[in-house]
Amino acid sequence: MTPTAVRCPLCNLALAPQDQAAACARCPFRPSDCHAICCPRCGYSWVASSPLVRRIARWWSARRRRGERPPVAPAAPAVVSLAQLALGEEGVVASLQSRRPAYLQRLGAVGVLPGRRLRLRQRQPALIIQVGETELALDAHAGGEIFVRRVLWMTGS
């Protein structure tokens, strides 16, 4: 039980400490173990918030009144071209979009297929990717034809 007056969130009845004690007398739990507050008018029960929770709520509402927003990292696009990956970053092949069918066939033959995981190893003078245990050198044009979903964690080499 709390020693200060509170209001019922449901019916807005102001409860003095003695009202809270009277409502708790009907409760089947032992009052010493229970931190719930029960409204004698509507019967609604709730747990009183701690001073820390109230302080955080006041701080948060003050920030919202001032128009502040929590810091949010900009969302990375779900699918990017291979050329947009950072060195060492991993991705899962989402699609291959090329007007060169023979080139697509060669990429498929060496394992660059949708669903496969790859890692960008080098950018210059050629794109070097690792697919499984295989490292491939690709021309710069291929970086814009292979689209991957970024993997959000890094794994060992």
Protein backbone atom coordinates (compact mmCIF):
# COMPACT_ATOMS: atom_id res chain seq x y z
CA MET A 1 0.00 0.00 0.00
CA THR A 2 1.14 3.52 -0.66
CA PRO A 3 1.06 6.13 2.12
CA THR A 4 -0.11 9.01 -0.14
CA ALA A 5 -3.45 9.71 -1.78
CA VAL A 6 -3.91 8.33 -5.29
CA ARG A 7 -6.62 8.44 -7.96
CA CYS A 8 -8.26 5.40 -9.48
CA PRO A 9 -7.31 5.25 -13.19
CA LEU A 10 -10.74 3.85 -14.07
CA CYS A 11 -13.31 5.91 -12.11
CA ASN A 12 -11.04 8.80 -11.00
CA LEU A 13 -11.98 8.40 -7.32
CA ALA A 14 -9.47 10.04 -4.96
CA LEU A 15 -8.30 7.40 -2.50
CA ALA A 16 -6.87 8.42 0.85
CA PRO A 17 -4.57 5.92 2.60
CA GLN A 18 -7.42 4.74 4.91
CA ASP A 19 -9.64 4.04 1.84
CA GLN A 20 -6.86 1.94 0.38
CA ALA A 21 -6.57 -0.03 3.64
CA ALA A 22 -10.33 -0.69 3.72
CA ALA A 23 -10.27 -1.99 0.14
CA CYS A 24 -7.27 -4.19 0.90
CA ALA A 25 -9.09 -5.77 3.88
CA ARG A 26 -11.31 -7.62 1.37
CA CYS A 27 -8.32 -8.80 -0.68
CA PRO A 28 -7.42 -12.53 -0.45
CA PHE A 29 -3.67 -11.73 -0.53
CA ARG A 30 -1.75 -10.70 2.56
CA PRO A 31 -1.52 -6.88 2.58
CA SER A 32 2.15 -7.02 3.60
CA ASP A 33 3.06 -8.94 0.42
CA CYS A 34 0.76 -7.08 -1.96
CA HIS A 35 1.63 -3.76 -3.58
CA ALA A 36 -1.66 -3.47 -5.46
CA ILE A 37 -4.21 -0.73 -4.87
CA CYS A 38 -7.89 -1.62 -5.10
CA CYS A 39 -10.63 0.98 -5.68
CA PRO A 40 -13.58 0.53 -3.27
CA ARG A 41 -16.00 2.14 -5.75
CA CYS A 42 -15.32 0.21 -8.99
CA GLY A 43 -13.12 -2.68 -7.76
CA TYR A 44 -10.35 -1.92 -10.24
CA SER A 45 -6.88 -3.02 -9.04
CA TRP A 46 -3.54 -1.61 -10.13
CA VAL A 47 0.02 -1.41 -8.88
CA ALA A 48 1.28 1.98 -7.79
CA SER A 49 4.26 3.18 -9.80
CA SER A 50 7.62 3.56 -8.17
CA PRO A 51 9.30 6.98 -7.74
CA LEU A 52 11.78 6.05 -10.48
CA VAL A 53 8.99 5.27 -12.96
CA ARG A 54 7.24 8.56 -12.11
CA ARG A 55 10.50 10.50 -12.59
CA ILE A 56 11.11 8.88 -15.99
CA ALA A 57 7.51 9.60 -17.03
CA ARG A 58 7.87 13.28 -16.06
CA TRP A 59 11.19 13.54 -17.92
CA TRP A 60 9.73 11.89 -21.02
CA SER A 61 6.61 14.05 -21.07
CA ALA A 62 8.76 17.19 -20.66
CA ARG A 63 10.83 16.14 -23.68
CA ARG A 64 7.69 15.53 -25.71
CA ARG A 65 6.27 18.96 -24.77
CA ARG A 66 9.49 20.58 -26.01
CA GLY A 67 9.17 18.65 -29.26
CA GLU A 68 12.29 16.54 -28.75
CA ARG A 69 12.41 13.10 -30.26
CA PRO A 70 14.48 10.15 -29.12
CA PRO A 71 17.63 9.56 -31.13
CA VAL A 72 16.91 7.08 -33.87
CA ALA A 73 19.49 5.70 -36.24
CA PRO A 74 18.53 6.22 -39.86
CA ALA A 75 17.12 3.06 -41.33
CA ALA A 76 19.36 1.40 -43.88
CA PRO A 77 17.64 0.36 -47.08
CA ALA A 78 16.59 -3.27 -47.00
CA VAL A 79 18.11 -4.13 -50.38
CA VAL A 80 21.21 -2.39 -51.76
CA SER A 81 23.54 -3.02 -54.65
CA LEU A 82 26.78 -4.87 -53.99
CA ALA A 83 28.69 -1.64 -54.68
CA GLN A 84 26.98 0.03 -51.70
CA LEU A 85 28.29 -2.48 -49.14
CA ALA A 86 31.18 -1.39 -46.94
CA LEU A 87 34.44 -3.32 -47.02
CA GLY A 88 34.06 -6.48 -44.94
CA GLU A 89 30.28 -6.14 -44.77
CA GLU A 90 28.17 -9.19 -45.47
CA GLY A 91 24.96 -9.50 -47.42
CA VAL A 92 22.55 -12.12 -48.67
CA VAL A 93 21.95 -12.07 -52.42
CA ALA A 94 18.42 -10.81 -53.04
CA SER A 95 18.46 -10.65 -56.83
CA LEU A 96 20.65 -10.51 -59.93
CA GLN A 97 19.60 -7.96 -62.53
CA SER A 98 21.69 -8.00 -65.67
CA ARG A 99 21.07 -7.73 -69.39
CA ARG A 100 23.92 -10.16 -69.98
CA PRO A 101 22.41 -13.68 -69.72
CA ALA A 102 25.78 -15.41 -70.13
CA TYR A 103 27.18 -13.38 -67.25
CA LEU A 104 24.22 -14.34 -65.04
CA GLN A 105 24.81 -17.96 -65.94
CA ARG A 106 28.50 -17.70 -64.96
CA LEU A 107 27.62 -16.05 -61.65
CA GLY A 108 25.16 -18.85 -60.90
CA ALA A 109 27.77 -21.47 -61.77
CA VAL A 110 30.20 -20.10 -59.16
CA GLY A 111 27.53 -19.84 -56.46
CA VAL A 112 26.30 -16.24 -56.64
CA LEU A 113 22.61 -17.07 -56.38
CA PRO A 114 19.66 -15.54 -54.51
CA GLY A 115 19.79 -16.60 -50.85
CA ARG A 116 23.59 -17.07 -50.74
CA ARG A 117 25.64 -15.10 -48.26
CA LEU A 118 28.61 -13.10 -49.50
CA ARG A 119 31.18 -10.66 -48.16
CA LEU A 120 32.76 -7.69 -49.94
CA ARG A 121 36.56 -8.04 -49.61
CA GLN A 122 37.94 -5.36 -51.95
CA ARG A 123 36.72 -2.51 -54.19
CA GLN A 124 39.73 -1.48 -56.27
CA PRO A 125 40.92 -2.32 -58.90
CA ALA A 126 38.09 -4.89 -59.06
CA LEU A 127 35.30 -5.94 -56.72
CA ILE A 128 36.39 -9.03 -54.83
CA ILE A 129 33.68 -10.95 -53.01
CA GLN A 130 33.79 -14.08 -50.93
CA VAL A 131 31.01 -16.63 -51.42
CA GLY A 132 31.47 -19.50 -49.02
CA GLU A 133 35.16 -20.43 -49.31
CA THR A 134 35.48 -19.02 -52.84
CA GLU A 135 36.79 -15.55 -53.66
CA LEU A 136 35.67 -13.99 -56.95
CA ALA A 137 36.88 -10.92 -58.82
CA LEU A 138 34.06 -9.04 -60.54
CA ASP A 139 34.11 -6.09 -62.90
CA ALA A 140 32.85 -2.74 -61.60
CA HIS A 141 29.63 -3.06 -63.63
CA ALA A 142 28.68 -6.19 -61.67
CA GLY A 143 28.50 -4.16 -58.45
CA GLY A 144 25.33 -2.53 -59.74
CA GLU A 145 23.77 -5.78 -61.00
CA ILE A 146 23.94 -7.82 -57.80
CA PHE A 147 21.50 -6.72 -55.11
CA VAL A 148 21.89 -7.89 -51.51
CA ARG A 149 20.16 -7.61 -48.15
CA ARG A 150 22.57 -6.31 -45.53
CA VAL A 151 23.42 -8.71 -42.72
CA LEU A 152 23.21 -6.82 -39.44
CA TRP A 153 25.99 -8.70 -37.67
CA MET A 154 29.58 -9.36 -38.55
CA THR A 155 31.11 -12.79 -38.39
CA GLY A 156 34.74 -13.85 -38.18
CA SER A 157 36.74 -14.28 -41.37
